Amino acid sequence: MRPLTKATILKSSFVKLLPSMALLVMMIALSFSTPHFFTWVNISSIIRQHAQIIIMAVGMTFVIISAGIDLSVGSMMALAGICGTWLMTVGIPIPLAVVGGCFAGLLCGLLNGLLIAGLKIPPFIATLGTMQAFRGLVLQITQGLPVDKGVPRSFGILRNGNLSDLLPMPFLRLVPIPLVLIVIICVVASLTLRYTRLGRYSYAIGSNIEAAHHSGIKVGMYIVLIYAVCGLLAGLAGMIEFSSLVSGQPTAGVGYELRVIAAVVIGGGSLMGGEGTVSGTIIGALLMAVLLNGCTLLHITDFIQQIVIGVLIVLAVAFDQLRKRKTEGGGV
């Protein structure tokens, strides 16, 4: 390790602020490029359209900090969302059905954690397998058809509604419900990472799993809990995603895992483990969300948008690896 000097500390601080500065520059550039960007209608639209990505990215933050990875979050989101919407079709009230969808995601996350901690299967392989299994289960349950008959129209409030729909106060009509959920989840997750054993042990496991084990940490149990948190938030994301169309879509969430992982890495999380913050993840997710929104407003085709996101993911990972090598003083 290189010794800490004033220059090193300043450079580290600059690196940590880089995503925030990039987001700020992008927002300023878009505000000059199109008059439609800096409007509350557009800002709230960004929040609604990307709420599920942001929420899943918070769960993925715990996983990546612990030096793990979860490729199944998109499929988990779809399976949990289908379970929740199916509960509505048999007469379960919306709040209980949402809880049921979250619980389904929690069970999927527990399965991932047990495969990794119990059977010692590498996270990449375990979640690659469950990604396919969960998606296949969704398609088998639905036969590839949407789940929409019997789903109450009021379910759409979860994503499309404002806080005034729940609390009859006029000044709340500009507050999207997804924004409230994001704020609550981010605050709870940040406090968990900073002040609880789950948070501290996530960093310890990601930094050095052997040292964590020898220091008395029940590594297996906490790995299961970490993946359970990721699954729980994927379940909530599924309910938010499906409320937009008031139906369960079996093909929803395809490719979301890449955007979720990218949000964490762009925000300062390291694929090597031991690094990451909820605030950084939010910045990373918002950076991609604003980029996609800007491309849409500037009439850039979806094909080009996919290329841009792919390049952004590669650059984020390459930057993370370069930063790691320089920090360790190993060179290239």
C-alpha atoms as a PDB file:
ATOM      1  CA  MET A   1       0.000   0.000   0.000  1.00  0.00           C
ATOM      2  CA  ARG A   2       1.193   3.512  -0.781  1.00  0.00           C
ATOM      3  CA  PRO A   3       1.578   5.871   2.191  1.00  0.00           C
ATOM      4  CA  LEU A   4      -1.228   8.378   2.697  1.00  0.00           C
ATOM      5  CA  THR A   5      -0.128  11.875   1.729  1.00  0.00           C
ATOM      6  CA  LYS A   6      -2.060  15.091   1.247  1.00  0.00           C
ATOM      7  CA  ALA A   7      -1.913  14.638  -2.504  1.00  0.00           C
ATOM      8  CA  THR A   8      -3.165  11.062  -2.215  1.00  0.00           C
ATOM      9  CA  ILE A   9      -6.083  12.109  -0.003  1.00  0.00           C
ATOM     10  CA  LEU A  10      -7.021  14.938  -2.382  1.00  0.00           C
ATOM     11  CA  LYS A  11      -6.849  12.600  -5.357  1.00  0.00           C
ATOM     12  CA  SER A  12      -9.010  10.033  -3.557  1.00  0.00           C
ATOM     13  CA  SER A  13     -11.573  12.718  -2.709  1.00  0.00           C
ATOM     14  CA  PHE A  14     -11.616  13.883  -6.337  1.00  0.00           C
ATOM     15  CA  VAL A  15     -12.221  10.323  -7.540  1.00  0.00           C
ATOM     16  CA  LYS A  16     -15.128   9.923  -5.116  1.00  0.00           C
ATOM     17  CA  LEU A  17     -16.677  13.183  -6.293  1.00  0.00           C
ATOM     18  CA  LEU A  18     -16.203  12.376  -9.989  1.00  0.00           C
ATOM     19  CA  PRO A  19     -19.634  10.691 -10.506  1.00  0.00           C
ATOM     20  CA  SER A  20     -21.407  13.607  -8.791  1.00  0.00           C
ATOM     21  CA  MET A  21     -19.539  16.117 -10.926  1.00  0.00           C
ATOM     22  CA  ALA A  22     -20.313  14.137 -14.074  1.00  0.00           C
ATOM     23  CA  LEU A  23     -24.010  14.090 -13.165  1.00  0.00           C
ATOM     24  CA  LEU A  24     -24.005  17.834 -12.511  1.00  0.00           C
ATOM     25  CA  VAL A  25     -22.229  18.610 -15.794  1.00  0.00           C
ATOM     26  CA  MET A  26     -24.631  16.352 -17.705  1.00  0.00           C
ATOM     27  CA  MET A  27     -27.683  18.022 -16.157  1.00  0.00           C
ATOM     28  CA  ILE A  28     -26.354  21.506 -16.963  1.00  0.00           C
ATOM     29  CA  ALA A  29     -25.560  20.491 -20.547  1.00  0.00           C
ATOM     30  CA  LEU A  30     -29.019  18.972 -21.050  1.00  0.00           C
ATOM     31  CA  SER A  31     -30.737  22.023 -19.559  1.00  0.00           C
ATOM     32  CA  PHE A  32     -29.089  24.123 -22.284  1.00  0.00           C
ATOM     33  CA  SER A  33     -29.650  21.511 -25.023  1.00  0.00           C
ATOM     34  CA  THR A  34     -33.400  21.100 -24.536  1.00  0.00           C
ATOM     35  CA  PRO A  35     -35.986  23.242 -22.717  1.00  0.00           C
ATOM     36  CA  HIS A  36     -37.905  20.123 -21.711  1.00  0.00           C
ATOM     37  CA  PHE A  37     -35.240  18.661 -19.426  1.00  0.00           C
ATOM     38  CA  PHE A  38     -35.371  20.935 -16.385  1.00  0.00           C
ATOM     39  CA  THR A  39     -39.122  20.684 -15.822  1.00  0.00           C
ATOM     40  CA  TRP A  40     -40.791  18.980 -12.878  1.00  0.00           C
ATOM     41  CA  VAL A  41     -42.808  16.822 -15.279  1.00  0.00           C
ATOM     42  CA  ASN A  42     -39.608  15.448 -16.803  1.00  0.00           C
ATOM     43  CA  ILE A  43     -37.777  15.089 -13.466  1.00  0.00           C
ATOM     44  CA  SER A  44     -40.698  13.181 -11.943  1.00  0.00           C
ATOM     45  CA  SER A  45     -40.845  11.044 -15.086  1.00  0.00           C
ATOM     46  CA  ILE A  46     -37.174  10.105 -14.636  1.00  0.00           C
ATOM     47  CA  ILE A  47     -37.871   9.105 -11.031  1.00  0.00           C
ATOM     48  CA  ARG A  48     -40.891   6.975 -11.964  1.00  0.00           C
ATOM     49  CA  GLN A  49     -39.232   5.272 -14.925  1.00  0.00           C
ATOM     50  CA  HIS A  50     -36.045   4.373 -13.058  1.00  0.00           C
ATOM     51  CA  ALA A  51     -37.337   3.799  -9.513  1.00  0.00           C
ATOM     52  CA  GLN A  52     -37.061   0.024  -9.838  1.00  0.00           C
ATOM     53  CA  ILE A  53     -33.435   0.263 -11.002  1.00  0.00           C
ATOM     54  CA  ILE A  54     -32.525   2.584  -8.130  1.00  0.00           C
ATOM     55  CA  ILE A  55     -34.172   0.349  -5.526  1.00  0.00           C
ATOM     56  CA  MET A  56     -32.545  -2.821  -6.861  1.00  0.00           C
ATOM     57  CA  ALA A  57     -29.200  -1.029  -7.029  1.00  0.00           C
ATOM     58  CA  VAL A  58     -29.439  -0.273  -3.297  1.00  0.00           C
ATOM     59  CA  GLY A  59     -29.790  -4.003  -2.634  1.00  0.00           C
ATOM     60  CA  MET A  60     -26.950  -4.769  -5.032  1.00  0.00           C
ATOM     61  CA  THR A  61     -24.754  -2.350  -3.074  1.00  0.00           C
ATOM     62  CA  PHE A  62     -24.783  -4.724  -0.105  1.00  0.00           C
ATOM     63  CA  VAL A  63     -23.907  -7.654  -2.391  1.00  0.00           C
ATOM     64  CA  ILE A  64     -21.026  -5.940  -4.188  1.00  0.00           C
ATOM     65  CA  ILE A  65     -19.591  -4.534  -0.950  1.00  0.00           C
ATOM     66  CA  SER A  66     -19.375  -8.135   0.270  1.00  0.00           C
ATOM     67  CA  ALA A  67     -17.425  -9.052  -2.915  1.00  0.00           C
ATOM     68  CA  GLY A  68     -20.420 -10.871  -4.367  1.00  0.00           C
ATOM     69  CA  ILE A  69     -22.599 -10.356  -7.409  1.00  0.00           C
ATOM     70  CA  ASP A  70     -26.223 -11.134  -8.223  1.00  0.00           C
ATOM     71  CA  LEU A  71     -27.069 -11.683 -11.876  1.00  0.00           C
ATOM     72  CA  SER A  72     -30.597 -12.824 -11.049  1.00  0.00           C
ATOM     73  CA  VAL A  73     -32.074  -9.497  -9.876  1.00  0.00           C
ATOM     74  CA  GLY A  74     -33.985  -8.900 -13.121  1.00  0.00           C
ATOM     75  CA  SER A  75     -35.507 -12.371 -13.070  1.00  0.00           C
ATOM     76  CA  MET A  76     -36.200 -12.094  -9.320  1.00  0.00           C
ATOM     77  CA  MET A  77     -37.975  -8.824  -9.958  1.00  0.00           C
ATOM     78  CA  ALA A  78     -40.188 -10.446 -12.595  1.00  0.00           C
ATOM     79  CA  LEU A  79     -40.981 -13.512 -10.467  1.00  0.00           C
ATOM     80  CA  ALA A  80     -41.784 -11.464  -7.363  1.00  0.00           C
ATOM     81  CA  GLY A  81     -43.908  -9.046  -9.396  1.00  0.00           C
ATOM     82  CA  ILE A  82     -45.857 -11.907 -10.964  1.00  0.00           C
ATOM     83  CA  CYS A  83     -46.482 -13.408  -7.517  1.00  0.00           C
ATOM     84  CA  GLY A  84     -47.733 -10.077  -6.180  1.00  0.00           C
ATOM     85  CA  THR A  85     -50.056  -9.371  -9.120  1.00  0.00           C
ATOM     86  CA  TRP A  86     -51.382 -12.940  -9.038  1.00  0.00           C
ATOM     87  CA  LEU A  87     -52.337 -12.429  -5.386  1.00  0.00           C
ATOM     88  CA  MET A  88     -54.424  -9.436  -6.469  1.00  0.00           C
ATOM     89  CA  THR A  89     -56.266 -11.525  -9.051  1.00  0.00           C
ATOM     90  CA  VAL A  90     -57.506 -13.875  -6.314  1.00  0.00           C
ATOM     91  CA  GLY A  91     -58.835 -11.031  -4.204  1.00  0.00           C
ATOM     92  CA  ILE A  92     -55.911 -10.198  -1.894  1.00  0.00           C
ATOM     93  CA  PRO A  93     -55.878  -6.457  -1.022  1.00  0.00           C
ATOM     94  CA  ILE A  94     -53.224  -4.399  -2.792  1.00  0.00           C
ATOM     95  CA  PRO A  95     -51.062  -3.637   0.303  1.00  0.00           C
ATOM     96  CA  LEU A  96     -50.948  -7.328   1.282  1.00  0.00           C
ATOM     97  CA  ALA A  97     -50.242  -8.345  -2.317  1.00  0.00           C
ATOM     98  CA  VAL A  98     -47.311  -5.881  -2.444  1.00  0.00           C
ATOM     99  CA  VAL A  99     -45.985  -7.412   0.790  1.00  0.00           C
ATOM    100  CA  GLY A 100     -46.443 -10.850  -0.787  1.00  0.00           C
ATOM    101  CA  GLY A 101     -44.411  -9.820  -3.825  1.00  0.00           C
ATOM    102  CA  CYS A 102     -41.642  -8.492  -1.576  1.00  0.00           C
ATOM    103  CA  PHE A 103     -41.699 -11.748   0.396  1.00  0.00           C
ATOM    104  CA  ALA A 104     -41.343 -13.746  -2.836  1.00  0.00           C
ATOM    105  CA  GLY A 105     -38.265 -11.691  -3.682  1.00  0.00           C
ATOM    106  CA  LEU A 106     -36.927 -12.286  -0.166  1.00  0.00           C
ATOM    107  CA  LEU A 107     -37.272 -16.062  -0.635  1.00  0.00           C
ATOM    108  CA  CYS A 108     -35.427 -15.883  -3.956  1.00  0.00           C
ATOM    109  CA  GLY A 109     -32.644 -13.916  -2.312  1.00  0.00           C
ATOM    110  CA  LEU A 110     -32.452 -16.441   0.524  1.00  0.00           C
ATOM    111  CA  LEU A 111     -32.071 -19.224  -2.037  1.00  0.00           C
ATOM    112  CA  ASN A 112     -29.189 -17.375  -3.697  1.00  0.00           C
ATOM    113  CA  GLY A 113     -27.520 -16.835  -0.333  1.00  0.00           C
ATOM    114  CA  LEU A 114     -27.898 -20.489   0.670  1.00  0.00           C
ATOM    115  CA  LEU A 115     -26.417 -21.683  -2.625  1.00  0.00           C
ATOM    116  CA  ILE A 116     -23.429 -19.377  -2.167  1.00  0.00           C
ATOM    117  CA  ALA A 117     -22.855 -19.741   1.580  1.00  0.00           C
ATOM    118  CA  GLY A 118     -24.093 -23.305   2.052  1.00  0.00           C
ATOM    119  CA  LEU A 119     -22.955 -25.088  -1.098  1.00  0.00           C
ATOM    120  CA  LYS A 120     -19.946 -22.786  -1.661  1.00  0.00           C
ATOM    121  CA  ILE A 121     -20.971 -22.080  -5.242  1.00  0.00           C
ATOM    122  CA  PRO A 122     -19.291 -18.927  -6.618  1.00  0.00           C
ATOM    123  CA  PRO A 123     -21.791 -16.034  -6.687  1.00  0.00           C
ATOM    124  CA  PHE A 124     -21.421 -15.544 -10.443  1.00  0.00           C
ATOM    125  CA  ILE A 125     -22.297 -19.175 -11.198  1.00  0.00           C
ATOM    126  CA  ALA A 126     -25.024 -19.488  -8.554  1.00  0.00           C
ATOM    127  CA  THR A 127     -26.896 -16.373  -9.613  1.00  0.00           C
ATOM    128  CA  LEU A 128     -26.364 -17.077 -13.317  1.00  0.00           C
ATOM    129  CA  GLY A 129     -28.166 -20.376 -12.729  1.00  0.00           C
ATOM    130  CA  THR A 130     -30.981 -18.861 -10.666  1.00  0.00           C
ATOM    131  CA  MET A 131     -31.357 -16.074 -13.230  1.00  0.00           C
ATOM    132  CA  GLN A 132     -32.346 -18.708 -15.785  1.00  0.00           C
ATOM    133  CA  ALA A 133     -34.365 -20.753 -13.291  1.00  0.00           C
ATOM    134  CA  PHE A 134     -36.397 -17.777 -12.021  1.00  0.00           C
ATOM    135  CA  ARG A 135     -37.097 -16.583 -15.552  1.00  0.00           C
ATOM    136  CA  GLY A 136     -38.151 -20.060 -16.621  1.00  0.00           C
ATOM    137  CA  LEU A 137     -40.432 -20.301 -13.588  1.00  0.00           C
ATOM    138  CA  VAL A 138     -42.063 -16.985 -14.491  1.00  0.00           C
ATOM    139  CA  LEU A 139     -42.699 -18.135 -18.060  1.00  0.00           C
ATOM    140  CA  GLN A 140     -44.016 -21.507 -16.880  1.00  0.00           C
ATOM    141  CA  ILE A 141     -46.416 -19.919 -14.377  1.00  0.00           C
ATOM    142  CA  THR A 142     -47.765 -17.396 -16.875  1.00  0.00           C
ATOM    143  CA  GLN A 143     -47.312 -19.437 -20.066  1.00  0.00           C
ATOM    144  CA  GLY A 144     -45.681 -16.296 -21.407  1.00  0.00           C
ATOM    145  CA  LEU A 145     -48.884 -14.239 -21.039  1.00  0.00           C
ATOM    146  CA  PRO A 146     -49.438 -11.079 -18.971  1.00  0.00           C
ATOM    147  CA  VAL A 147     -51.224 -11.362 -15.640  1.00  0.00           C
ATOM    148  CA  ASP A 148     -53.844  -8.622 -15.831  1.00  0.00           C
ATOM    149  CA  LYS A 149     -57.359 -10.002 -15.354  1.00  0.00           C
ATOM    150  CA  GLY A 150     -58.647  -9.015 -11.946  1.00  0.00           C
ATOM    151  CA  VAL A 151     -55.766  -6.655 -11.115  1.00  0.00           C
ATOM    152  CA  PRO A 152     -57.312  -3.461  -9.630  1.00  0.00           C
ATOM    153  CA  ARG A 153     -56.700  -0.259 -11.562  1.00  0.00           C
ATOM    154  CA  SER A 154     -55.792   1.446  -8.286  1.00  0.00           C
ATOM    155  CA  PHE A 155     -52.612  -0.693  -8.223  1.00  0.00           C
ATOM    156  CA  GLY A 156     -51.173   1.847 -10.680  1.00  0.00           C
ATOM    157  CA  ILE A 157     -50.894   4.419  -7.897  1.00  0.00           C
ATOM    158  CA  LEU A 158     -47.748   2.702  -6.625  1.00  0.00           C
ATOM    159  CA  ARG A 159     -45.725   3.985  -9.564  1.00  0.00           C
ATOM    160  CA  ASN A 160     -47.901   6.536 -11.326  1.00  0.00           C
ATOM    161  CA  GLY A 161     -49.478   8.211  -8.300  1.00  0.00           C
ATOM    162  CA  ASN A 162     -48.451  11.098  -6.083  1.00  0.00           C
ATOM    163  CA  LEU A 163     -48.397  11.279  -2.311  1.00  0.00           C
ATOM    164  CA  SER A 164     -51.604  13.346  -2.433  1.00  0.00           C
ATOM    165  CA  ASP A 165     -53.408  10.202  -3.639  1.00  0.00           C
ATOM    166  CA  LEU A 166     -52.755   8.675  -0.214  1.00  0.00           C
ATOM    167  CA  LEU A 167     -52.814  11.815   1.916  1.00  0.00           C
ATOM    168  CA  PRO A 168     -55.412  14.428   0.857  1.00  0.00           C
ATOM    169  CA  MET A 169     -53.104  17.426   1.066  1.00  0.00           C
ATOM    170  CA  PRO A 170     -52.763  19.652  -2.041  1.00  0.00           C
ATOM    171  CA  PHE A 171     -49.070  20.477  -1.517  1.00  0.00           C
ATOM    172  CA  LEU A 172     -48.242  16.751  -1.829  1.00  0.00           C
ATOM    173  CA  ARG A 173     -49.553  16.471  -5.385  1.00  0.00           C
ATOM    174  CA  LEU A 174     -46.054  17.110  -6.797  1.00  0.00           C
ATOM    175  CA  VAL A 175     -44.391  14.336  -4.742  1.00  0.00           C
ATOM    176  CA  PRO A 176     -44.254  11.019  -6.661  1.00  0.00           C
ATOM    177  CA  ILE A 177     -44.844   7.943  -4.519  1.00  0.00           C
ATOM    178  CA  PRO A 178     -41.734   6.201  -5.977  1.00  0.00           C
ATOM    179  CA  LEU A 179     -39.623   9.140  -4.762  1.00  0.00           C
ATOM    180  CA  VAL A 180     -40.915   8.671  -1.215  1.00  0.00           C
ATOM    181  CA  LEU A 181     -40.101   4.953  -1.360  1.00  0.00           C
ATOM    182  CA  ILE A 182     -36.607   5.656  -2.700  1.00  0.00           C
ATOM    183  CA  VAL A 183     -35.861   8.175   0.057  1.00  0.00           C
ATOM    184  CA  ILE A 184     -37.070   5.819   2.808  1.00  0.00           C
ATOM    185  CA  ILE A 185     -35.112   2.858   1.425  1.00  0.00           C
ATOM    186  CA  CYS A 186     -31.932   4.891   0.938  1.00  0.00           C
ATOM    187  CA  VAL A 187     -32.048   6.303   4.466  1.00  0.00           C
ATOM    188  CA  VAL A 188     -32.649   2.873   6.025  1.00  0.00           C
ATOM    189  CA  ALA A 189     -29.953   1.241   3.864  1.00  0.00           C
ATOM    190  CA  SER A 190     -27.403   3.969   4.643  1.00  0.00           C
ATOM    191  CA  LEU A 191     -28.036   3.686   8.371  1.00  0.00           C
ATOM    192  CA  THR A 192     -27.808  -0.104   8.118  1.00  0.00           C
ATOM    193  CA  LEU A 193     -24.450   0.021   6.359  1.00  0.00           C
ATOM    194  CA  ARG A 194     -23.033   2.543   8.793  1.00  0.00           C
ATOM    195  CA  TYR A 195     -24.400   1.529  12.182  1.00  0.00           C
ATOM    196  CA  THR A 196     -25.379  -2.159  12.167  1.00  0.00           C
ATOM    197  CA  ARG A 197     -23.466  -5.402  12.225  1.00  0.00           C
ATOM    198  CA  LEU A 198     -24.866  -6.347   8.836  1.00  0.00           C
ATOM    199  CA  GLY A 199     -23.322  -3.227   7.324  1.00  0.00           C
ATOM    200  CA  ARG A 200     -19.979  -3.435   9.087  1.00  0.00           C
ATOM    201  CA  TYR A 201     -19.666  -7.151   8.415  1.00  0.00           C
ATOM    202  CA  SER A 202     -20.532  -6.643   4.737  1.00  0.00           C
ATOM    203  CA  TYR A 203     -17.452  -4.420   4.407  1.00  0.00           C
ATOM    204  CA  ALA A 204     -15.352  -6.857   6.439  1.00  0.00           C
ATOM    205  CA  ILE A 205     -16.391  -9.859   4.329  1.00  0.00           C
ATOM    206  CA  GLY A 206     -15.732  -7.960   1.112  1.00  0.00           C
ATOM    207  CA  SER A 207     -12.351  -6.696   2.238  1.00  0.00           C
ATOM    208  CA  ASN A 208     -11.009 -10.054   3.445  1.00  0.00           C
ATOM    209  CA  ILE A 209     -13.346 -12.985   3.920  1.00  0.00           C
ATOM    210  CA  GLU A 210     -10.727 -15.138   5.631  1.00  0.00           C
ATOM    211  CA  ALA A 211      -9.892 -12.416   8.142  1.00  0.00           C
ATOM    212  CA  ALA A 212     -13.615 -11.900   8.758  1.00  0.00           C
ATOM    213  CA  HIS A 213     -14.052 -15.612   9.430  1.00  0.00           C
ATOM    214  CA  HIS A 214     -11.118 -15.800  11.828  1.00  0.00           C
ATOM    215  CA  SER A 215     -12.328 -12.712  13.696  1.00  0.00           C
ATOM    216  CA  GLY A 216     -15.463 -14.606  14.684  1.00  0.00           C
ATOM    217  CA  ILE A 217     -17.931 -13.258  12.116  1.00  0.00           C
ATOM    218  CA  LYS A 218     -20.521 -15.830  11.036  1.00  0.00           C
ATOM    219  CA  VAL A 219     -19.704 -15.256   7.398  1.00  0.00           C
ATOM    220  CA  GLY A 220     -22.203 -17.739   5.966  1.00  0.00           C
ATOM    221  CA  MET A 221     -25.136 -16.327   7.909  1.00  0.00           C
ATOM    222  CA  TYR A 222     -24.369 -12.748   6.891  1.00  0.00           C
ATOM    223  CA  ILE A 223     -23.915 -13.681   3.237  1.00  0.00           C
ATOM    224  CA  VAL A 224     -27.395 -15.228   3.301  1.00  0.00           C
ATOM    225  CA  LEU A 225     -28.773 -12.048   4.905  1.00  0.00           C
ATOM    226  CA  ILE A 226     -27.047  -9.849   2.324  1.00  0.00           C
ATOM    227  CA  TYR A 227     -28.599 -11.713  -0.598  1.00  0.00           C
ATOM    228  CA  ALA A 228     -31.954 -11.765   1.203  1.00  0.00           C
ATOM    229  CA  VAL A 229     -31.866  -7.941   1.390  1.00  0.00           C
ATOM    230  CA  CYS A 230     -31.109  -7.818  -2.326  1.00  0.00           C
ATOM    231  CA  GLY A 231     -34.025 -10.154  -3.040  1.00  0.00           C
ATOM    232  CA  LEU A 232     -36.418  -8.183  -0.843  1.00  0.00           C
ATOM    233  CA  LEU A 233     -35.680  -4.944  -2.674  1.00  0.00           C
ATOM    234  CA  ALA A 234     -35.916  -6.729  -6.043  1.00  0.00           C
ATOM    235  CA  GLY A 235     -39.387  -7.853  -4.972  1.00  0.00           C
ATOM    236  CA  LEU A 236     -40.448  -4.289  -4.194  1.00  0.00           C
ATOM    237  CA  ALA A 237     -38.956  -3.142  -7.499  1.00  0.00           C
ATOM    238  CA  GLY A 238     -41.060  -5.774  -9.269  1.00  0.00           C
ATOM    239  CA  MET A 239     -44.248  -4.447  -7.730  1.00  0.00           C
ATOM    240  CA  ILE A 240     -43.347  -0.899  -8.757  1.00  0.00           C
ATOM    241  CA  GLU A 241     -42.481  -2.024 -12.288  1.00  0.00           C
ATOM    242  CA  PHE A 242     -45.745  -3.891 -12.776  1.00  0.00           C
ATOM    243  CA  SER A 243     -47.896  -1.139 -11.309  1.00  0.00           C
ATOM    244  CA  SER A 244     -46.991   1.077 -14.273  1.00  0.00           C
ATOM    245  CA  LEU A 245     -49.124  -1.060 -16.610  1.00  0.00           C
ATOM    246  CA  VAL A 246     -51.348  -2.536 -13.875  1.00  0.00           C
ATOM    247  CA  SER A 247     -50.350  -6.016 -14.986  1.00  0.00           C
ATOM    248  CA  GLY A 248     -47.635  -8.620 -14.533  1.00  0.00           C
ATOM    249  CA  GLN A 249     -45.328  -8.913 -17.547  1.00  0.00           C
ATOM    250  CA  PRO A 250     -43.337 -12.186 -17.661  1.00  0.00           C
ATOM    251  CA  THR A 251     -40.589 -10.660 -19.824  1.00  0.00           C
ATOM    252  CA  ALA A 252     -40.004  -7.668 -17.540  1.00  0.00           C
ATOM    253  CA  GLY A 253     -36.547  -7.045 -16.128  1.00  0.00           C
ATOM    254  CA  VAL A 254     -34.506  -8.594 -18.934  1.00  0.00           C
ATOM    255  CA  GLY A 255     -31.075  -6.938 -18.885  1.00  0.00           C
ATOM    256  CA  TYR A 256     -31.775  -4.989 -15.690  1.00  0.00           C
ATOM    257  CA  GLU A 257     -28.978  -6.789 -13.849  1.00  0.00           C
ATOM    258  CA  LEU A 258     -26.362  -5.017 -15.976  1.00  0.00           C
ATOM    259  CA  ARG A 259     -27.807  -1.579 -15.284  1.00  0.00           C
ATOM    260  CA  VAL A 260     -28.095  -2.318 -11.562  1.00  0.00           C
ATOM    261  CA  ILE A 261     -24.503  -3.543 -11.264  1.00  0.00           C
ATOM    262  CA  ALA A 262     -23.300  -0.607 -13.359  1.00  0.00           C
ATOM    263  CA  ALA A 263     -25.059   1.864 -11.037  1.00  0.00           C
ATOM    264  CA  VAL A 264     -23.132   0.497  -8.050  1.00  0.00           C
ATOM    265  CA  VAL A 265     -19.769   0.478  -9.842  1.00  0.00           C
ATOM    266  CA  ILE A 266     -20.230   3.946 -11.361  1.00  0.00           C
ATOM    267  CA  GLY A 267     -21.100   5.197  -7.888  1.00  0.00           C
ATOM    268  CA  GLY A 268     -17.795   4.021  -6.428  1.00  0.00           C
ATOM    269  CA  GLY A 269     -18.503   0.398  -5.529  1.00  0.00           C
ATOM    270  CA  SER A 270     -15.721  -2.054  -6.298  1.00  0.00           C
ATOM    271  CA  LEU A 271     -16.285  -5.466  -7.872  1.00  0.00           C
ATOM    272  CA  MET A 272     -13.389  -6.632  -5.703  1.00  0.00           C
ATOM    273  CA  GLY A 273     -15.483  -5.899  -2.607  1.00  0.00           C
ATOM    274  CA  GLY A 274     -15.042  -3.783   0.489  1.00  0.00           C
ATOM    275  CA  GLU A 275     -16.082  -0.481  -1.101  1.00  0.00           C
ATOM    276  CA  GLY A 276     -19.353   1.230  -1.872  1.00  0.00           C
ATOM    277  CA  THR A 277     -21.995   3.543  -0.450  1.00  0.00           C
ATOM    278  CA  VAL A 278     -25.719   3.949  -0.919  1.00  0.00           C
ATOM    279  CA  SER A 279     -25.300   7.622  -1.833  1.00  0.00           C
ATOM    280  CA  GLY A 280     -22.732   6.707  -4.480  1.00  0.00           C
ATOM    281  CA  THR A 281     -25.056   4.084  -5.910  1.00  0.00           C
ATOM    282  CA  ILE A 282     -27.887   6.608  -6.157  1.00  0.00           C
ATOM    283  CA  ILE A 283     -25.576   9.000  -8.031  1.00  0.00           C
ATOM    284  CA  GLY A 284     -24.558   6.185 -10.384  1.00  0.00           C
ATOM    285  CA  ALA A 285     -28.167   5.190 -11.053  1.00  0.00           C
ATOM    286  CA  LEU A 286     -29.229   8.808 -11.591  1.00  0.00           C
ATOM    287  CA  LEU A 287     -26.320   9.398 -13.951  1.00  0.00           C
ATOM    288  CA  MET A 288     -27.510   6.567 -16.202  1.00  0.00           C
ATOM    289  CA  ALA A 289     -31.148   7.635 -15.843  1.00  0.00           C
ATOM    290  CA  VAL A 290     -30.390  11.235 -16.821  1.00  0.00           C
ATOM    291  CA  LEU A 291     -28.208  10.035 -19.697  1.00  0.00           C
ATOM    292  CA  LEU A 292     -31.013   7.873 -21.104  1.00  0.00           C
ATOM    293  CA  ASN A 293     -33.569  10.613 -20.592  1.00  0.00           C
ATOM    294  CA  GLY A 294     -31.318  13.112 -22.354  1.00  0.00           C
ATOM    295  CA  CYS A 295     -30.868  10.748 -25.276  1.00  0.00           C
ATOM    296  CA  THR A 296     -34.644  10.434 -25.571  1.00  0.00           C
ATOM    297  CA  LEU A 297     -35.211  14.194 -25.436  1.00  0.00           C
ATOM    298  CA  LEU A 298     -32.512  14.690 -28.084  1.00  0.00           C
ATOM    299  CA  HIS A 299     -34.150  12.026 -30.275  1.00  0.00           C
ATOM    300  CA  ILE A 300     -31.207   9.639 -30.127  1.00  0.00           C
ATOM    301  CA  THR A 301     -32.327   6.135 -31.096  1.00  0.00           C
ATOM    302  CA  ASP A 302     -32.700   3.323 -28.587  1.00  0.00           C
ATOM    303  CA  PHE A 303     -29.948   1.390 -30.381  1.00  0.00           C
ATOM    304  CA  ILE A 304     -27.451   4.166 -29.742  1.00  0.00           C
ATOM    305  CA  GLN A 305     -28.647   4.395 -26.127  1.00  0.00           C
ATOM    306  CA  GLN A 306     -27.795   0.716 -25.625  1.00  0.00           C
ATOM    307  CA  ILE A 307     -24.322   1.294 -27.069  1.00  0.00           C
ATOM    308  CA  VAL A 308     -23.784   4.271 -24.743  1.00  0.00           C
ATOM    309  CA  ILE A 309     -24.848   2.295 -21.648  1.00  0.00           C
ATOM    310  CA  GLY A 310     -22.621  -0.627 -22.664  1.00  0.00           C
ATOM    311  CA  VAL A 311     -19.612   1.653 -23.110  1.00  0.00           C
ATOM    312  CA  LEU A 312     -20.376   3.341 -19.785  1.00  0.00           C
ATOM    313  CA  ILE A 313     -20.408  -0.028 -17.988  1.00  0.00           C
ATOM    314  CA  VAL A 314     -17.052  -1.035 -19.510  1.00  0.00           C
ATOM    315  CA  LEU A 315     -15.477   2.325 -18.655  1.00  0.00           C
ATOM    316  CA  ALA A 316     -16.777   2.180 -15.079  1.00  0.00           C
ATOM    317  CA  VAL A 317     -15.325  -1.288 -14.485  1.00  0.00           C
ATOM    318  CA  ALA A 318     -12.039  -0.383 -16.207  1.00  0.00           C
ATOM    319  CA  PHE A 319     -11.764   2.750 -14.064  1.00  0.00           C
ATOM    320  CA  ASP A 320     -12.456   0.701 -10.934  1.00  0.00           C
ATOM    321  CA  GLN A 321      -9.708  -1.789 -11.803  1.00  0.00           C
ATOM    322  CA  LEU A 322      -7.211   0.973 -12.624  1.00  0.00           C
ATOM    323  CA  ARG A 323      -8.007   2.759  -9.377  1.00  0.00           C
ATOM    324  CA  LYS A 324      -7.520  -0.471  -7.430  1.00  0.00           C
ATOM    325  CA  ARG A 325      -4.103  -1.130  -8.981  1.00  0.00           C
ATOM    326  CA  LYS A 326      -2.915   2.406  -8.286  1.00  0.00           C
ATOM    327  CA  THR A 327      -4.172   2.290  -4.708  1.00  0.00           C
ATOM    328  CA  GLU A 328      -2.321  -0.963  -4.099  1.00  0.00           C
ATOM    329  CA  GLY A 329       0.792   0.452  -5.764  1.00  0.00           C
ATOM    330  CA  GLY A 330       1.014  -2.494  -8.111  1.00  0.00           C
ATOM    331  CA  GLY A 331       1.094  -0.608 -11.363  1.00  0.00           C
ATOM    332  CA  VAL A 332      -0.350  -2.138 -14.549  1.00  0.00           C
END
